[in-house]
């Protein structure tokens, strides 16, 4: 029997619902006691020195998308939330440079959060906008605008929090969001209700 572990997904689900968005699916990391290390991503540098930021985002998104209740609509946006970005990766680069070492060129493309967002879009054939922001409120606001403006039919909102203090663990959550019920959607000037 698998023991469940509290995740950030429930908090992200509540925040999305409070923002008037419809939660279609959700996932978190960790979800079970077995969730110790996220699976690596092909093409991304993986070592003891580079963080699990991208693998956490990818695995949490994968779980969420596999829980999608219906077929994928034509346009799905990806919104990635990360208050600190790839903290462990940034520390590794800083220490390497400070020590006079050479940073491998493969670290360049994955040094920014939108690298994994683009990877997810390509891997899952998500054809909507890709946006990276620093906090959940901004992520929900961007998602609501993308859906209200019909730039996307749904949005995959992913939040990754890397542990930055000893004894803490990396966490991630993902929610697949659609527009709320018609009565809860905001109408903009010139748009018919």
N, C-alpha and C. Protein backbone atom coordinates (compact mmCIF):
# COMPACT_ATOMS: atom_id res chain seq x y z
N UNK A 1 0.83 -1.18 0.00
CA UNK A 1 0.00 0.00 0.00
C UNK A 1 0.88 1.24 0.00
N UNK A 2 0.53 2.22 -0.82
CA UNK A 2 1.31 3.44 -0.94
C UNK A 2 0.77 4.50 0.01
N UNK A 3 1.63 5.05 0.83
CA UNK A 3 1.22 6.13 1.72
C UNK A 3 1.24 7.44 0.95
N UNK A 4 0.21 8.23 1.14
CA UNK A 4 0.18 9.51 0.45
C UNK A 4 0.88 10.57 1.29
N UNK A 5 1.41 11.55 0.61
CA UNK A 5 2.13 12.64 1.24
C UNK A 5 1.40 13.93 0.91
N UNK A 6 1.22 14.85 1.86
CA UNK A 6 0.55 16.10 1.53
C UNK A 6 1.31 16.84 0.42
N UNK A 7 0.59 17.41 -0.51
CA UNK A 7 1.22 18.11 -1.63
C UNK A 7 0.73 19.54 -1.72
N UNK A 8 1.41 20.32 -2.55
CA UNK A 8 1.00 21.69 -2.82
C UNK A 8 -0.18 21.72 -3.78
N UNK A 9 -0.52 20.60 -4.42
CA UNK A 9 -1.58 20.58 -5.41
C UNK A 9 -2.90 21.05 -4.81
N UNK A 10 -3.19 20.65 -3.59
CA UNK A 10 -4.46 21.05 -2.98
C UNK A 10 -4.51 22.55 -2.78
N UNK A 11 -3.40 23.17 -2.38
CA UNK A 11 -3.35 24.62 -2.23
C UNK A 11 -3.50 25.34 -3.56
N UNK A 12 -2.87 24.82 -4.58
CA UNK A 12 -2.97 25.42 -5.92
C UNK A 12 -4.38 25.24 -6.46
N UNK A 13 -5.00 24.10 -6.18
CA UNK A 13 -6.38 23.85 -6.60
C UNK A 13 -7.32 24.84 -5.94
N UNK A 14 -7.16 25.04 -4.63
CA UNK A 14 -8.02 26.01 -3.92
C UNK A 14 -7.83 27.42 -4.46
N UNK A 15 -6.59 27.82 -4.70
CA UNK A 15 -6.32 29.16 -5.21
C UNK A 15 -6.93 29.36 -6.60
N UNK A 16 -6.83 28.35 -7.45
CA UNK A 16 -7.40 28.44 -8.79
C UNK A 16 -8.92 28.54 -8.73
N UNK A 17 -9.54 27.73 -7.88
CA UNK A 17 -10.99 27.78 -7.72
C UNK A 17 -11.43 29.14 -7.20
N UNK A 18 -10.68 29.68 -6.24
CA UNK A 18 -11.00 31.00 -5.68
C UNK A 18 -10.86 32.10 -6.74
N UNK A 19 -9.99 31.87 -7.73
CA UNK A 19 -9.81 32.84 -8.81
C UNK A 19 -10.86 32.68 -9.91
N UNK A 20 -11.81 31.75 -9.72
CA UNK A 20 -12.88 31.57 -10.70
C UNK A 20 -12.52 30.66 -11.86
N UNK A 21 -11.44 29.89 -11.70
CA UNK A 21 -11.02 28.97 -12.76
C UNK A 21 -11.50 27.56 -12.43
N UNK A 22 -11.74 26.77 -13.46
CA UNK A 22 -12.21 25.40 -13.29
C UNK A 22 -11.01 24.47 -13.32
N UNK A 23 -10.86 23.66 -12.28
CA UNK A 23 -9.76 22.71 -12.18
C UNK A 23 -10.18 21.42 -12.88
N UNK A 24 -9.44 21.06 -13.92
CA UNK A 24 -9.72 19.86 -14.71
C UNK A 24 -8.94 18.65 -14.22
N UNK A 25 -7.74 18.89 -13.70
CA UNK A 25 -6.88 17.81 -13.19
C UNK A 25 -5.80 18.45 -12.32
N UNK A 26 -5.21 17.65 -11.44
CA UNK A 26 -4.14 18.17 -10.59
C UNK A 26 -3.16 17.06 -10.25
N UNK A 27 -1.96 17.47 -9.85
CA UNK A 27 -0.92 16.53 -9.44
C UNK A 27 0.07 17.27 -8.56
N UNK A 28 0.86 16.51 -7.83
CA UNK A 28 1.86 17.12 -6.97
C UNK A 28 3.11 16.28 -6.87
N UNK A 29 4.14 16.86 -6.27
CA UNK A 29 5.37 16.15 -5.95
C UNK A 29 5.82 16.60 -4.59
N UNK A 30 5.99 15.70 -3.66
CA UNK A 30 5.73 14.28 -3.77
C UNK A 30 4.26 13.97 -3.55
N UNK A 31 3.81 12.84 -4.08
CA UNK A 31 2.45 12.35 -3.85
C UNK A 31 2.47 11.07 -3.02
N UNK A 32 3.59 10.39 -3.02
CA UNK A 32 3.71 9.13 -2.28
C UNK A 32 5.09 9.07 -1.64
N UNK A 33 5.23 8.22 -0.66
CA UNK A 33 6.51 8.07 0.03
C UNK A 33 7.62 7.67 -0.93
N UNK A 34 7.26 7.00 -2.03
CA UNK A 34 8.25 6.56 -3.03
C UNK A 34 8.82 7.72 -3.85
N UNK A 35 8.17 8.86 -3.82
CA UNK A 35 8.63 10.02 -4.60
C UNK A 35 9.85 10.65 -3.94
N UNK A 36 11.01 10.16 -4.32
CA UNK A 36 12.27 10.66 -3.76
C UNK A 36 13.05 11.49 -4.79
N UNK A 37 13.14 10.98 -6.03
CA UNK A 37 13.88 11.66 -7.09
C UNK A 37 13.03 11.62 -8.35
N UNK A 38 12.80 12.79 -8.94
CA UNK A 38 12.02 12.85 -10.18
C UNK A 38 12.82 12.24 -11.33
N UNK A 39 12.13 11.58 -12.27
CA UNK A 39 12.84 10.98 -13.40
C UNK A 39 13.58 12.04 -14.22
N UNK A 40 14.79 11.71 -14.69
CA UNK A 40 15.54 12.69 -15.49
C UNK A 40 14.85 12.98 -16.82
N UNK A 41 15.22 14.10 -17.42
CA UNK A 41 14.68 14.50 -18.72
C UNK A 41 15.80 14.37 -19.75
N UNK A 42 15.52 13.66 -20.83
CA UNK A 42 16.52 13.51 -21.90
C UNK A 42 16.92 14.88 -22.43
N UNK A 43 18.23 15.09 -22.56
CA UNK A 43 18.73 16.35 -23.09
C UNK A 43 19.03 17.39 -22.03
N UNK A 44 18.59 17.17 -20.79
CA UNK A 44 18.89 18.08 -19.70
C UNK A 44 20.05 17.49 -18.90
N UNK A 45 20.98 18.35 -18.50
CA UNK A 45 22.13 17.90 -17.74
C UNK A 45 21.66 17.45 -16.36
N UNK A 46 22.08 16.27 -15.96
CA UNK A 46 21.72 15.75 -14.65
C UNK A 46 23.01 15.32 -13.96
N UNK A 47 23.23 15.86 -12.77
CA UNK A 47 24.38 15.44 -11.98
C UNK A 47 24.06 15.72 -10.53
N UNK A 48 24.96 15.35 -9.66
CA UNK A 48 24.75 15.60 -8.24
C UNK A 48 24.77 17.09 -7.94
N UNK A 49 25.29 17.89 -8.86
CA UNK A 49 25.43 19.32 -8.61
C UNK A 49 24.28 20.14 -9.19
N UNK A 50 23.55 19.58 -10.11
CA UNK A 50 22.49 20.34 -10.77
C UNK A 50 21.15 19.91 -10.20
N UNK A 51 20.27 20.86 -10.03
CA UNK A 51 19.03 20.63 -9.30
C UNK A 51 18.03 19.77 -10.04
N UNK A 52 16.99 19.45 -9.32
CA UNK A 52 15.87 18.68 -9.86
C UNK A 52 14.76 19.59 -10.34
N UNK A 53 15.03 20.88 -10.52
CA UNK A 53 13.99 21.84 -10.91
C UNK A 53 13.21 21.37 -12.14
N UNK A 54 13.91 21.16 -13.24
CA UNK A 54 13.23 20.77 -14.48
C UNK A 54 12.58 19.39 -14.39
N UNK A 55 13.27 18.36 -13.85
CA UNK A 55 12.59 17.07 -13.71
C UNK A 55 11.34 17.14 -12.83
N UNK A 56 11.37 17.94 -11.76
CA UNK A 56 10.18 18.09 -10.91
C UNK A 56 9.02 18.68 -11.70
N UNK A 57 9.30 19.75 -12.44
CA UNK A 57 8.24 20.39 -13.25
C UNK A 57 7.70 19.41 -14.27
N UNK A 58 8.59 18.69 -14.94
CA UNK A 58 8.16 17.76 -16.00
C UNK A 58 7.34 16.61 -15.45
N UNK A 59 7.78 16.02 -14.35
CA UNK A 59 7.06 14.88 -13.78
C UNK A 59 5.70 15.29 -13.23
N UNK A 60 5.63 16.43 -12.57
CA UNK A 60 4.36 16.89 -12.03
C UNK A 60 3.39 17.23 -13.16
N UNK A 61 3.89 17.86 -14.22
CA UNK A 61 3.05 18.16 -15.38
C UNK A 61 2.57 16.87 -16.04
N UNK A 62 3.46 15.88 -16.17
CA UNK A 62 3.08 14.60 -16.77
C UNK A 62 1.94 13.96 -16.01
N UNK A 63 2.06 13.91 -14.71
CA UNK A 63 1.01 13.32 -13.88
C UNK A 63 -0.32 14.05 -14.08
N UNK A 64 -0.25 15.36 -14.09
CA UNK A 64 -1.47 16.16 -14.25
C UNK A 64 -2.11 15.92 -15.61
N UNK A 65 -1.31 15.95 -16.67
CA UNK A 65 -1.85 15.77 -18.02
C UNK A 65 -2.41 14.37 -18.23
N UNK A 66 -1.83 13.37 -17.59
CA UNK A 66 -2.37 12.02 -17.70
C UNK A 66 -3.72 11.88 -17.00
N UNK A 67 -4.02 12.80 -16.10
CA UNK A 67 -5.30 12.79 -15.38
C UNK A 67 -6.37 13.63 -16.05
N UNK A 68 -6.04 14.17 -17.21
CA UNK A 68 -6.99 15.00 -17.97
C UNK A 68 -8.25 14.19 -18.21
N UNK A 69 -9.43 14.76 -17.88
CA UNK A 69 -10.66 14.00 -17.98
C UNK A 69 -11.18 13.82 -19.40
N UNK A 70 -10.74 14.63 -20.32
CA UNK A 70 -11.25 14.54 -21.69
C UNK A 70 -10.10 14.80 -22.66
N UNK A 71 -10.33 14.57 -23.95
CA UNK A 71 -9.25 14.79 -24.93
C UNK A 71 -8.73 16.22 -24.88
N UNK A 72 -7.48 16.36 -25.28
CA UNK A 72 -6.83 17.66 -25.29
C UNK A 72 -7.51 18.60 -26.27
N UNK A 73 -7.88 19.81 -25.83
CA UNK A 73 -8.44 20.79 -26.77
C UNK A 73 -7.34 21.32 -27.68
N UNK A 74 -7.71 22.10 -28.67
CA UNK A 74 -6.71 22.56 -29.64
C UNK A 74 -5.56 23.37 -29.06
N UNK A 75 -5.82 24.21 -28.05
CA UNK A 75 -4.78 25.11 -27.57
C UNK A 75 -4.67 25.03 -26.04
N UNK A 76 -3.49 24.60 -25.59
CA UNK A 76 -3.21 24.53 -24.15
C UNK A 76 -1.99 25.38 -23.86
N UNK A 77 -2.13 26.34 -22.96
CA UNK A 77 -1.02 27.19 -22.53
C UNK A 77 -0.25 26.49 -21.41
N UNK A 78 1.01 26.90 -21.22
CA UNK A 78 1.83 26.44 -20.11
C UNK A 78 2.24 27.68 -19.31
N UNK A 79 1.89 27.69 -18.03
CA UNK A 79 2.26 28.79 -17.14
C UNK A 79 3.08 28.19 -16.01
N UNK A 80 4.34 28.59 -15.91
CA UNK A 80 5.25 28.05 -14.90
C UNK A 80 5.50 29.11 -13.84
N UNK A 81 5.29 28.72 -12.58
CA UNK A 81 5.50 29.62 -11.44
C UNK A 81 6.69 29.12 -10.65
N UNK A 82 7.64 30.01 -10.39
CA UNK A 82 8.79 29.65 -9.56
C UNK A 82 9.33 30.90 -8.90
N UNK A 83 9.18 31.01 -7.58
CA UNK A 83 9.68 32.19 -6.89
C UNK A 83 11.19 32.39 -7.01
N UNK A 84 11.95 31.29 -7.06
CA UNK A 84 13.40 31.40 -7.07
C UNK A 84 14.05 30.85 -8.33
N UNK A 85 13.28 30.31 -9.26
CA UNK A 85 13.86 29.70 -10.44
C UNK A 85 14.65 28.46 -10.05
N UNK A 86 15.62 28.10 -10.86
CA UNK A 86 16.44 26.92 -10.60
C UNK A 86 17.54 27.32 -9.62
N UNK A 87 17.21 27.35 -8.35
CA UNK A 87 18.12 27.80 -7.31
C UNK A 87 19.39 26.96 -7.24
N UNK A 88 19.24 25.65 -7.21
CA UNK A 88 20.42 24.78 -7.12
C UNK A 88 21.30 24.92 -8.35
N UNK A 89 20.69 25.06 -9.52
CA UNK A 89 21.47 25.26 -10.75
C UNK A 89 22.25 26.58 -10.70
N UNK A 90 21.60 27.63 -10.21
CA UNK A 90 22.26 28.93 -10.10
C UNK A 90 23.43 28.88 -9.12
N UNK A 91 23.24 28.17 -8.01
CA UNK A 91 24.32 28.03 -7.03
C UNK A 91 25.49 27.27 -7.66
N UNK A 92 25.19 26.20 -8.39
CA UNK A 92 26.24 25.42 -9.05
C UNK A 92 27.04 26.29 -10.03
N UNK A 93 26.35 27.07 -10.84
CA UNK A 93 27.03 27.94 -11.82
C UNK A 93 27.89 28.97 -11.08
N UNK A 94 27.34 29.60 -10.04
CA UNK A 94 28.09 30.61 -9.30
C UNK A 94 29.35 30.01 -8.67
N UNK A 95 29.22 28.85 -8.06
CA UNK A 95 30.37 28.20 -7.43
C UNK A 95 31.42 27.81 -8.46
N UNK A 96 30.98 27.34 -9.62
CA UNK A 96 31.92 26.95 -10.69
C UNK A 96 32.69 28.16 -11.19
N UNK A 97 31.96 29.26 -11.44
CA UNK A 97 32.60 30.49 -11.93
C UNK A 97 33.53 31.06 -10.87
N UNK A 98 33.05 31.12 -9.62
CA UNK A 98 33.88 31.65 -8.53
C UNK A 98 35.16 30.83 -8.35
N UNK A 99 35.08 29.53 -8.61
CA UNK A 99 36.24 28.66 -8.47
C UNK A 99 37.12 28.63 -9.70
N UNK A 100 36.81 29.45 -10.71
CA UNK A 100 37.62 29.50 -11.92
C UNK A 100 37.33 28.37 -12.89
N UNK A 101 36.25 27.63 -12.65
CA UNK A 101 35.88 26.53 -13.54
C UNK A 101 35.11 27.00 -14.76
N UNK A 102 34.84 26.07 -15.62
CA UNK A 102 34.11 26.36 -16.86
C UNK A 102 32.72 25.72 -16.75
N UNK A 103 31.70 26.51 -17.02
CA UNK A 103 30.33 26.02 -16.98
C UNK A 103 30.02 25.34 -18.30
N UNK A 104 29.50 24.12 -18.24
CA UNK A 104 29.17 23.39 -19.46
C UNK A 104 28.11 24.10 -20.28
N UNK A 105 28.22 24.08 -21.58
CA UNK A 105 27.28 24.80 -22.44
C UNK A 105 25.85 24.29 -22.34
N UNK A 106 25.66 23.02 -21.97
CA UNK A 106 24.30 22.51 -21.86
C UNK A 106 23.54 23.15 -20.70
N UNK A 107 24.26 23.69 -19.73
CA UNK A 107 23.58 24.36 -18.62
C UNK A 107 22.94 25.67 -19.05
N UNK A 108 23.44 26.27 -20.13
CA UNK A 108 22.93 27.57 -20.55
C UNK A 108 21.44 27.52 -20.85
N UNK A 109 21.01 26.58 -21.68
CA UNK A 109 19.61 26.58 -22.09
C UNK A 109 18.67 26.18 -20.96
N UNK A 110 19.14 25.41 -20.00
CA UNK A 110 18.24 25.01 -18.93
C UNK A 110 18.38 25.91 -17.69
N UNK A 111 19.13 27.00 -17.81
CA UNK A 111 19.33 27.90 -16.68
C UNK A 111 18.12 28.79 -16.43
N UNK A 112 17.18 28.82 -17.33
CA UNK A 112 15.98 29.63 -17.15
C UNK A 112 14.76 28.72 -17.11
N UNK A 113 13.76 29.06 -16.31
CA UNK A 113 12.59 28.18 -16.17
C UNK A 113 11.85 27.91 -17.48
N UNK A 114 11.90 28.83 -18.44
CA UNK A 114 11.11 28.57 -19.66
C UNK A 114 11.69 27.44 -20.51
N UNK A 115 12.90 26.96 -20.19
CA UNK A 115 13.45 25.81 -20.92
C UNK A 115 12.58 24.58 -20.69
N UNK A 116 12.22 24.31 -19.44
CA UNK A 116 11.39 23.14 -19.17
C UNK A 116 9.96 23.38 -19.63
N UNK A 117 9.49 24.62 -19.59
CA UNK A 117 8.14 24.92 -20.10
C UNK A 117 8.08 24.64 -21.61
N UNK A 118 9.12 25.03 -22.33
CA UNK A 118 9.18 24.73 -23.76
C UNK A 118 9.29 23.23 -24.03
N UNK A 119 10.07 22.54 -23.20
CA UNK A 119 10.18 21.09 -23.31
C UNK A 119 8.81 20.43 -23.15
N UNK A 120 8.05 20.87 -22.15
CA UNK A 120 6.71 20.31 -21.91
C UNK A 120 5.79 20.58 -23.09
N UNK A 121 5.86 21.80 -23.61
CA UNK A 121 5.01 22.16 -24.75
C UNK A 121 5.31 21.25 -25.94
N UNK A 122 6.58 21.04 -26.22
CA UNK A 122 6.97 20.17 -27.34
C UNK A 122 6.60 18.72 -27.08
N UNK A 123 6.91 18.23 -25.89
CA UNK A 123 6.67 16.83 -25.55
C UNK A 123 5.19 16.46 -25.60
N UNK A 124 4.32 17.35 -25.11
CA UNK A 124 2.89 17.08 -25.02
C UNK A 124 2.09 17.76 -26.13
N UNK A 125 2.78 18.37 -27.09
CA UNK A 125 2.13 19.07 -28.21
C UNK A 125 1.12 20.11 -27.72
N UNK A 126 1.59 20.92 -26.77
CA UNK A 126 0.77 22.01 -26.24
C UNK A 126 1.09 23.25 -27.07
N UNK A 127 0.12 23.77 -27.76
CA UNK A 127 0.37 24.80 -28.76
C UNK A 127 0.03 26.21 -28.31
N UNK A 128 -0.29 26.40 -27.05
CA UNK A 128 -0.63 27.73 -26.55
C UNK A 128 0.60 28.49 -26.09
N UNK A 129 0.37 29.69 -25.56
CA UNK A 129 1.47 30.51 -25.05
C UNK A 129 2.21 29.81 -23.91
N UNK A 130 3.48 30.17 -23.73
CA UNK A 130 4.31 29.69 -22.63
C UNK A 130 4.74 30.92 -21.83
N UNK A 131 4.43 30.91 -20.53
CA UNK A 131 4.70 32.07 -19.68
C UNK A 131 5.35 31.59 -18.39
N UNK A 132 6.35 32.33 -17.90
CA UNK A 132 6.97 32.03 -16.61
C UNK A 132 6.86 33.26 -15.73
N UNK A 133 6.40 33.06 -14.49
CA UNK A 133 6.24 34.16 -13.54
C UNK A 133 6.79 33.74 -12.18
N UNK A 134 6.84 34.69 -11.24
CA UNK A 134 7.47 34.45 -9.95
C UNK A 134 6.57 34.06 -8.80
N UNK A 135 5.25 34.21 -8.93
CA UNK A 135 4.40 33.81 -7.80
C UNK A 135 3.04 33.31 -8.29
N UNK A 136 2.35 32.62 -7.39
CA UNK A 136 1.08 31.98 -7.75
C UNK A 136 0.03 32.99 -8.18
N UNK A 137 -0.06 34.13 -7.49
CA UNK A 137 -1.06 35.14 -7.86
C UNK A 137 -0.85 35.61 -9.30
N UNK A 138 0.39 35.85 -9.67
CA UNK A 138 0.68 36.26 -11.05
C UNK A 138 0.36 35.13 -12.03
N UNK A 139 0.68 33.89 -11.65
CA UNK A 139 0.37 32.75 -12.51
C UNK A 139 -1.12 32.59 -12.74
N UNK A 140 -1.91 32.76 -11.69
CA UNK A 140 -3.37 32.67 -11.83
C UNK A 140 -3.92 33.83 -12.65
N UNK A 141 -3.36 35.03 -12.47
CA UNK A 141 -3.82 36.20 -13.24
C UNK A 141 -3.52 36.01 -14.73
N UNK A 142 -2.31 35.54 -15.04
CA UNK A 142 -1.94 35.29 -16.44
C UNK A 142 -2.85 34.21 -17.03
N UNK A 143 -3.07 33.15 -16.28
CA UNK A 143 -3.92 32.05 -16.76
C UNK A 143 -5.32 32.56 -17.04
N UNK A 144 -5.88 33.32 -16.12
CA UNK A 144 -7.23 33.87 -16.30
C UNK A 144 -7.31 34.74 -17.55
N UNK A 145 -6.29 35.55 -17.78
CA UNK A 145 -6.28 36.41 -18.98
C UNK A 145 -6.16 35.60 -20.26
N UNK A 146 -5.29 34.59 -20.26
CA UNK A 146 -5.13 33.76 -21.46
C UNK A 146 -6.45 33.06 -21.82
N UNK A 147 -7.16 32.60 -20.79
CA UNK A 147 -8.43 31.92 -21.04
C UNK A 147 -9.53 32.91 -21.42
N UNK A 148 -9.59 34.05 -20.74
CA UNK A 148 -10.62 35.06 -21.03
C UNK A 148 -10.44 35.65 -22.43
N UNK A 149 -9.20 35.88 -22.82
CA UNK A 149 -8.92 36.43 -24.16
C UNK A 149 -8.97 35.37 -25.25
N UNK A 150 -9.21 34.12 -24.85
CA UNK A 150 -9.27 32.98 -25.76
C UNK A 150 -7.95 32.73 -26.50
N UNK A 151 -6.84 33.07 -25.82
CA UNK A 151 -5.53 32.72 -26.35
C UNK A 151 -5.24 31.24 -26.11
N UNK A 152 -6.03 30.62 -25.21
CA UNK A 152 -5.90 29.19 -24.92
C UNK A 152 -7.26 28.66 -24.48
N UNK A 153 -7.49 27.39 -24.75
CA UNK A 153 -8.71 26.72 -24.31
C UNK A 153 -8.57 26.22 -22.88
N UNK A 154 -7.34 25.90 -22.49
CA UNK A 154 -7.03 25.47 -21.13
C UNK A 154 -5.58 25.86 -20.87
N UNK A 155 -5.19 25.80 -19.59
CA UNK A 155 -3.81 26.16 -19.23
C UNK A 155 -3.28 25.18 -18.19
N UNK A 156 -2.05 24.77 -18.38
CA UNK A 156 -1.35 23.94 -17.42
C UNK A 156 -0.53 24.88 -16.54
N UNK A 157 -0.92 25.01 -15.28
CA UNK A 157 -0.22 25.88 -14.33
C UNK A 157 0.63 24.99 -13.43
N UNK A 158 1.94 25.24 -13.42
CA UNK A 158 2.89 24.42 -12.66
C UNK A 158 3.64 25.34 -11.69
N UNK A 159 3.74 24.92 -10.45
CA UNK A 159 4.54 25.67 -9.47
C UNK A 159 5.62 24.74 -8.93
N UNK A 160 6.87 25.23 -8.95
CA UNK A 160 8.00 24.47 -8.43
C UNK A 160 8.66 25.29 -7.32
N UNK A 161 8.81 24.66 -6.17
CA UNK A 161 9.48 25.29 -5.03
C UNK A 161 10.66 24.43 -4.63
N UNK A 162 11.85 24.99 -4.79
CA UNK A 162 13.04 24.26 -4.39
C UNK A 162 13.37 24.58 -2.94
N UNK A 163 13.78 23.56 -2.21
CA UNK A 163 14.18 23.75 -0.82
C UNK A 163 15.44 24.59 -0.78
N UNK A 164 15.43 25.61 0.02
CA UNK A 164 16.62 26.45 0.12
C UNK A 164 17.16 26.50 1.56
N UNK A 165 16.61 25.63 2.40
CA UNK A 165 17.14 25.50 3.75
C UNK A 165 17.34 24.01 4.05
N UNK A 166 18.32 23.69 4.88
CA UNK A 166 18.58 22.28 5.21
C UNK A 166 17.36 21.61 5.83
N UNK A 167 17.18 20.35 5.47
CA UNK A 167 16.08 19.57 6.02
C UNK A 167 14.76 19.74 5.30
N UNK A 168 14.69 20.63 4.34
CA UNK A 168 13.46 20.85 3.57
C UNK A 168 13.57 20.06 2.27
N UNK A 169 12.43 19.82 1.61
CA UNK A 169 12.42 19.05 0.37
C UNK A 169 11.79 19.86 -0.75
N UNK A 170 12.26 19.60 -1.98
CA UNK A 170 11.68 20.24 -3.15
C UNK A 170 10.23 19.79 -3.30
N UNK A 171 9.38 20.69 -3.76
CA UNK A 171 7.96 20.38 -3.96
C UNK A 171 7.51 21.00 -5.27
N UNK A 172 6.48 20.40 -5.85
CA UNK A 172 5.90 20.94 -7.07
C UNK A 172 4.42 20.59 -7.11
N UNK A 173 3.67 21.37 -7.84
CA UNK A 173 2.24 21.12 -8.04
C UNK A 173 1.88 21.57 -9.45
N UNK A 174 0.90 20.90 -10.01
CA UNK A 174 0.40 21.28 -11.33
C UNK A 174 -1.12 21.15 -11.34
N UNK A 175 -1.76 22.11 -11.99
CA UNK A 175 -3.21 22.04 -12.19
C UNK A 175 -3.50 22.36 -13.65
N UNK A 176 -4.41 21.62 -14.21
CA UNK A 176 -4.88 21.89 -15.56
C UNK A 176 -6.16 22.68 -15.39
N UNK A 177 -6.20 23.87 -15.96
CA UNK A 177 -7.30 24.80 -15.70
C UNK A 177 -8.06 25.16 -16.97
N UNK A 178 -9.36 25.31 -16.81
CA UNK A 178 -10.22 25.81 -17.87
C UNK A 178 -10.95 27.03 -17.35
N UNK A 179 -11.63 27.73 -18.24
CA UNK A 179 -12.40 28.88 -17.77
C UNK A 179 -13.49 28.42 -16.81
N UNK A 180 -13.81 29.29 -15.87
CA UNK A 180 -14.86 28.97 -14.91
C UNK A 180 -16.22 28.95 -15.59
N UNK A 181 -17.25 28.69 -14.80
CA UNK A 181 -18.60 28.72 -15.37
C UNK A 181 -18.88 30.07 -16.01
N UNK A 182 -19.72 30.12 -17.04
CA UNK A 182 -19.96 31.38 -17.75
C UNK A 182 -20.32 32.55 -16.83
N UNK A 183 -21.09 32.32 -15.77
CA UNK A 183 -21.47 33.43 -14.91
C UNK A 183 -20.29 33.97 -14.11
N UNK A 184 -19.21 33.19 -13.93
CA UNK A 184 -18.07 33.69 -13.15
C UNK A 184 -17.01 34.34 -14.02
N UNK A 185 -17.11 34.22 -15.33
CA UNK A 185 -16.11 34.80 -16.22
C UNK A 185 -16.33 36.29 -16.35
N UNK A 186 -15.23 37.03 -16.36
CA UNK A 186 -15.31 38.46 -16.57
C UNK A 186 -15.49 38.72 -18.05
N UNK A 187 -16.29 39.72 -18.37
CA UNK A 187 -16.45 40.11 -19.77
C UNK A 187 -15.79 41.44 -19.98
N UNK A 188 -15.05 41.54 -21.05
CA UNK A 188 -14.31 42.75 -21.33
C UNK A 188 -15.09 43.59 -22.32
N UNK A 189 -14.76 44.85 -22.34
CA UNK A 189 -15.42 45.81 -23.22
C UNK A 189 -15.51 45.26 -24.64
N UNK A 190 -16.70 45.21 -25.16
CA UNK A 190 -16.91 44.74 -26.52
C UNK A 190 -17.17 43.26 -26.63
N UNK A 191 -16.99 42.50 -25.54
CA UNK A 191 -17.23 41.05 -25.59
C UNK A 191 -18.66 40.78 -25.17
N UNK A 192 -19.31 39.91 -25.91
CA UNK A 192 -20.69 39.54 -25.59
C UNK A 192 -20.70 38.52 -24.46
N UNK A 193 -21.62 38.66 -23.48
CA UNK A 193 -21.69 37.67 -22.41
C UNK A 193 -22.16 36.33 -22.92
